[in-house]
Amino acid sequence: MKKIMSFVVILSMFFAPVAFPASPWTEQKGYARQTWGKLQFGLTNTLLGWVELFETPNRYAGKGENIWAGVGQGIVDGVSNTFGGVFQLLTFPIPVDLVIPHNGVDLGGK
């Protein structure tokens, strides 16, 4: 019984809604602007999502935080940005948002 409850708790954590801000392209007015914004957002995250593997540990080291926590966060961010970008890119004609943590790749620096 303990194993089943543990499995249910872990499974519920994966399917629980996570509060992240909406993607930047959702603020655009009109269908054409939203789809164009979603296409750009998806392309940026697909092509540059892997940069988080190096940028996040560098940011953690610059703040004096644990660099190994930055490595782990960089792996999570890099994978979520890349695959989230692929999803955004493939579904750009449909203006429905799949939220990417931290609004995806930030070219201006976080």
C-alpha atoms as a PDB file:
ATOM      1  CA  MET A   1       0.000   0.000   0.000  1.00  0.00           C
ATOM      2  CA  LYS A   2       2.873   2.374   0.774  1.00  0.00           C
ATOM      3  CA  LYS A   3       4.341   1.832  -2.671  1.00  0.00           C
ATOM      4  CA  ILE A   4       1.038   2.648  -4.365  1.00  0.00           C
ATOM      5  CA  MET A   5       0.588   5.821  -2.304  1.00  0.00           C
ATOM      6  CA  SER A   6       4.169   6.873  -3.013  1.00  0.00           C
ATOM      7  CA  PHE A   7       3.580   6.306  -6.725  1.00  0.00           C
ATOM      8  CA  VAL A   8       0.348   8.340  -6.635  1.00  0.00           C
ATOM      9  CA  VAL A   9       2.071  11.231  -4.829  1.00  0.00           C
ATOM     10  CA  ILE A  10       4.981  11.270  -7.280  1.00  0.00           C
ATOM     11  CA  LEU A  11       2.633  11.024 -10.252  1.00  0.00           C
ATOM     12  CA  SER A  12       0.512  13.896  -8.938  1.00  0.00           C
ATOM     13  CA  MET A  13       3.614  16.089  -8.728  1.00  0.00           C
ATOM     14  CA  PHE A  14       4.245  15.586 -12.435  1.00  0.00           C
ATOM     15  CA  PHE A  15       0.689  16.468 -13.399  1.00  0.00           C
ATOM     16  CA  ALA A  16       0.171  19.331 -10.953  1.00  0.00           C
ATOM     17  CA  PRO A  17      -0.160  22.731 -12.626  1.00  0.00           C
ATOM     18  CA  VAL A  18       3.006  24.754 -12.361  1.00  0.00           C
ATOM     19  CA  ALA A  19       2.761  28.523 -12.113  1.00  0.00           C
ATOM     20  CA  PHE A  20       4.956  30.035 -14.797  1.00  0.00           C
ATOM     21  CA  PRO A  21       4.237  33.274 -16.604  1.00  0.00           C
ATOM     22  CA  ALA A  22       2.743  33.051 -20.069  1.00  0.00           C
ATOM     23  CA  SER A  23       5.067  33.123 -23.059  1.00  0.00           C
ATOM     24  CA  PRO A  24       5.880  36.596 -24.410  1.00  0.00           C
ATOM     25  CA  TRP A  25       4.160  36.016 -27.763  1.00  0.00           C
ATOM     26  CA  THR A  26       0.758  35.676 -26.055  1.00  0.00           C
ATOM     27  CA  GLU A  27       0.690  39.429 -25.420  1.00  0.00           C
ATOM     28  CA  GLN A  28       0.500  40.170 -29.159  1.00  0.00           C
ATOM     29  CA  LYS A  29      -2.840  41.295 -30.597  1.00  0.00           C
ATOM     30  CA  GLY A  30      -4.300  39.424 -33.552  1.00  0.00           C
ATOM     31  CA  TYR A  31      -3.860  35.961 -34.990  1.00  0.00           C
ATOM     32  CA  ALA A  32      -1.077  36.837 -37.458  1.00  0.00           C
ATOM     33  CA  ARG A  33       1.086  38.540 -34.844  1.00  0.00           C
ATOM     34  CA  GLN A  34       0.589  35.722 -32.329  1.00  0.00           C
ATOM     35  CA  THR A  35       1.482  32.982 -34.807  1.00  0.00           C
ATOM     36  CA  TRP A  36       4.520  34.938 -36.014  1.00  0.00           C
ATOM     37  CA  GLY A  37       5.602  35.514 -32.406  1.00  0.00           C
ATOM     38  CA  LYS A  38       5.075  31.848 -31.551  1.00  0.00           C
ATOM     39  CA  LEU A  39       7.106  30.797 -34.611  1.00  0.00           C
ATOM     40  CA  GLN A  40       9.989  33.073 -33.599  1.00  0.00           C
ATOM     41  CA  PHE A  41       9.784  31.971 -29.957  1.00  0.00           C
ATOM     42  CA  GLY A  42       9.778  28.293 -30.944  1.00  0.00           C
ATOM     43  CA  LEU A  43      12.654  28.680 -33.390  1.00  0.00           C
ATOM     44  CA  THR A  44      14.761  30.579 -30.851  1.00  0.00           C
ATOM     45  CA  ASN A  45      14.219  27.982 -28.131  1.00  0.00           C
ATOM     46  CA  THR A  46      14.724  25.046 -30.492  1.00  0.00           C
ATOM     47  CA  LEU A  47      18.032  26.328 -31.849  1.00  0.00           C
ATOM     48  CA  LEU A  48      19.410  27.952 -28.692  1.00  0.00           C
ATOM     49  CA  GLY A  49      17.926  25.888 -25.858  1.00  0.00           C
ATOM     50  CA  TRP A  50      21.172  23.960 -25.439  1.00  0.00           C
ATOM     51  CA  VAL A  51      22.966  27.198 -24.470  1.00  0.00           C
ATOM     52  CA  GLU A  52      21.356  26.912 -21.025  1.00  0.00           C
ATOM     53  CA  LEU A  53      23.654  23.939 -20.330  1.00  0.00           C
ATOM     54  CA  PHE A  54      26.538  26.404 -20.069  1.00  0.00           C
ATOM     55  CA  GLU A  55      24.831  29.707 -19.271  1.00  0.00           C
ATOM     56  CA  THR A  56      23.016  28.590 -16.112  1.00  0.00           C
ATOM     57  CA  PRO A  57      26.095  27.214 -14.268  1.00  0.00           C
ATOM     58  CA  ASN A  58      27.965  30.367 -15.300  1.00  0.00           C
ATOM     59  CA  ARG A  59      25.173  32.518 -13.842  1.00  0.00           C
ATOM     60  CA  TYR A  60      25.196  30.482 -10.608  1.00  0.00           C
ATOM     61  CA  ALA A  61      28.981  30.852 -10.310  1.00  0.00           C
ATOM     62  CA  GLY A  62      28.719  34.606 -10.897  1.00  0.00           C
ATOM     63  CA  LYS A  63      26.251  34.929  -8.026  1.00  0.00           C
ATOM     64  CA  GLY A  64      28.453  32.837  -5.722  1.00  0.00           C
ATOM     65  CA  GLU A  65      25.915  30.004  -5.553  1.00  0.00           C
ATOM     66  CA  ASN A  66      26.554  26.274  -5.795  1.00  0.00           C
ATOM     67  CA  ILE A  67      27.845  25.603  -9.306  1.00  0.00           C
ATOM     68  CA  TRP A  68      26.663  21.964  -9.229  1.00  0.00           C
ATOM     69  CA  ALA A  69      23.124  23.140  -8.594  1.00  0.00           C
ATOM     70  CA  GLY A  70      23.622  25.340 -11.656  1.00  0.00           C
ATOM     71  CA  VAL A  71      24.735  22.330 -13.697  1.00  0.00           C
ATOM     72  CA  GLY A  72      21.590  20.427 -12.743  1.00  0.00           C
ATOM     73  CA  GLN A  73      19.363  23.433 -13.398  1.00  0.00           C
ATOM     74  CA  GLY A  74      21.157  24.003 -16.709  1.00  0.00           C
ATOM     75  CA  ILE A  75      20.380  20.458 -17.829  1.00  0.00           C
ATOM     76  CA  VAL A  76      16.715  20.830 -16.881  1.00  0.00           C
ATOM     77  CA  ASP A  77      16.439  24.273 -18.512  1.00  0.00           C
ATOM     78  CA  GLY A  78      18.289  23.204 -21.654  1.00  0.00           C
ATOM     79  CA  VAL A  79      16.107  20.157 -22.214  1.00  0.00           C
ATOM     80  CA  SER A  80      12.847  21.948 -21.379  1.00  0.00           C
ATOM     81  CA  ASN A  81      13.718  24.943 -23.581  1.00  0.00           C
ATOM     82  CA  THR A  82      14.734  22.787 -26.541  1.00  0.00           C
ATOM     83  CA  PHE A  83      11.782  20.395 -26.464  1.00  0.00           C
ATOM     84  CA  GLY A  84       9.358  23.155 -25.516  1.00  0.00           C
ATOM     85  CA  GLY A  85      10.674  25.139 -28.475  1.00  0.00           C
ATOM     86  CA  VAL A  86      10.138  22.165 -30.784  1.00  0.00           C
ATOM     87  CA  PHE A  87       6.552  21.904 -29.571  1.00  0.00           C
ATOM     88  CA  GLN A  88       5.999  25.652 -30.067  1.00  0.00           C
ATOM     89  CA  LEU A  89       7.562  25.447 -33.519  1.00  0.00           C
ATOM     90  CA  LEU A  90       5.445  22.519 -34.636  1.00  0.00           C
ATOM     91  CA  THR A  91       2.201  24.025 -33.357  1.00  0.00           C
ATOM     92  CA  PHE A  92       2.756  27.677 -34.287  1.00  0.00           C
ATOM     93  CA  PRO A  93      -0.426  27.949 -36.418  1.00  0.00           C
ATOM     94  CA  ILE A  94      -2.468  27.193 -33.283  1.00  0.00           C
ATOM     95  CA  PRO A  95      -2.141  30.098 -30.816  1.00  0.00           C
ATOM     96  CA  VAL A  96      -2.211  27.926 -27.674  1.00  0.00           C
ATOM     97  CA  ASP A  97       0.624  28.360 -25.202  1.00  0.00           C
ATOM     98  CA  LEU A  98       2.792  25.601 -23.790  1.00  0.00           C
ATOM     99  CA  VAL A  99       4.552  27.401 -20.990  1.00  0.00           C
ATOM    100  CA  ILE A 100       8.323  27.029 -20.955  1.00  0.00           C
ATOM    101  CA  PRO A 101       9.955  27.666 -17.557  1.00  0.00           C
ATOM    102  CA  HIS A 102      11.509  31.121 -17.211  1.00  0.00           C
ATOM    103  CA  ASN A 103      10.077  32.145 -20.627  1.00  0.00           C
ATOM    104  CA  GLY A 104      12.628  30.071 -22.499  1.00  0.00           C
ATOM    105  CA  VAL A 105      15.943  31.352 -23.791  1.00  0.00           C
ATOM    106  CA  ASP A 106      16.620  34.958 -22.865  1.00  0.00           C
ATOM    107  CA  LEU A 107      18.935  36.519 -25.422  1.00  0.00           C
ATOM    108  CA  GLY A 108      19.268  39.714 -23.375  1.00  0.00           C
ATOM    109  CA  GLY A 109      20.557  37.958 -20.256  1.00  0.00           C
ATOM    110  CA  LYS A 110      18.623  37.068 -17.124  1.00  0.00           C
END
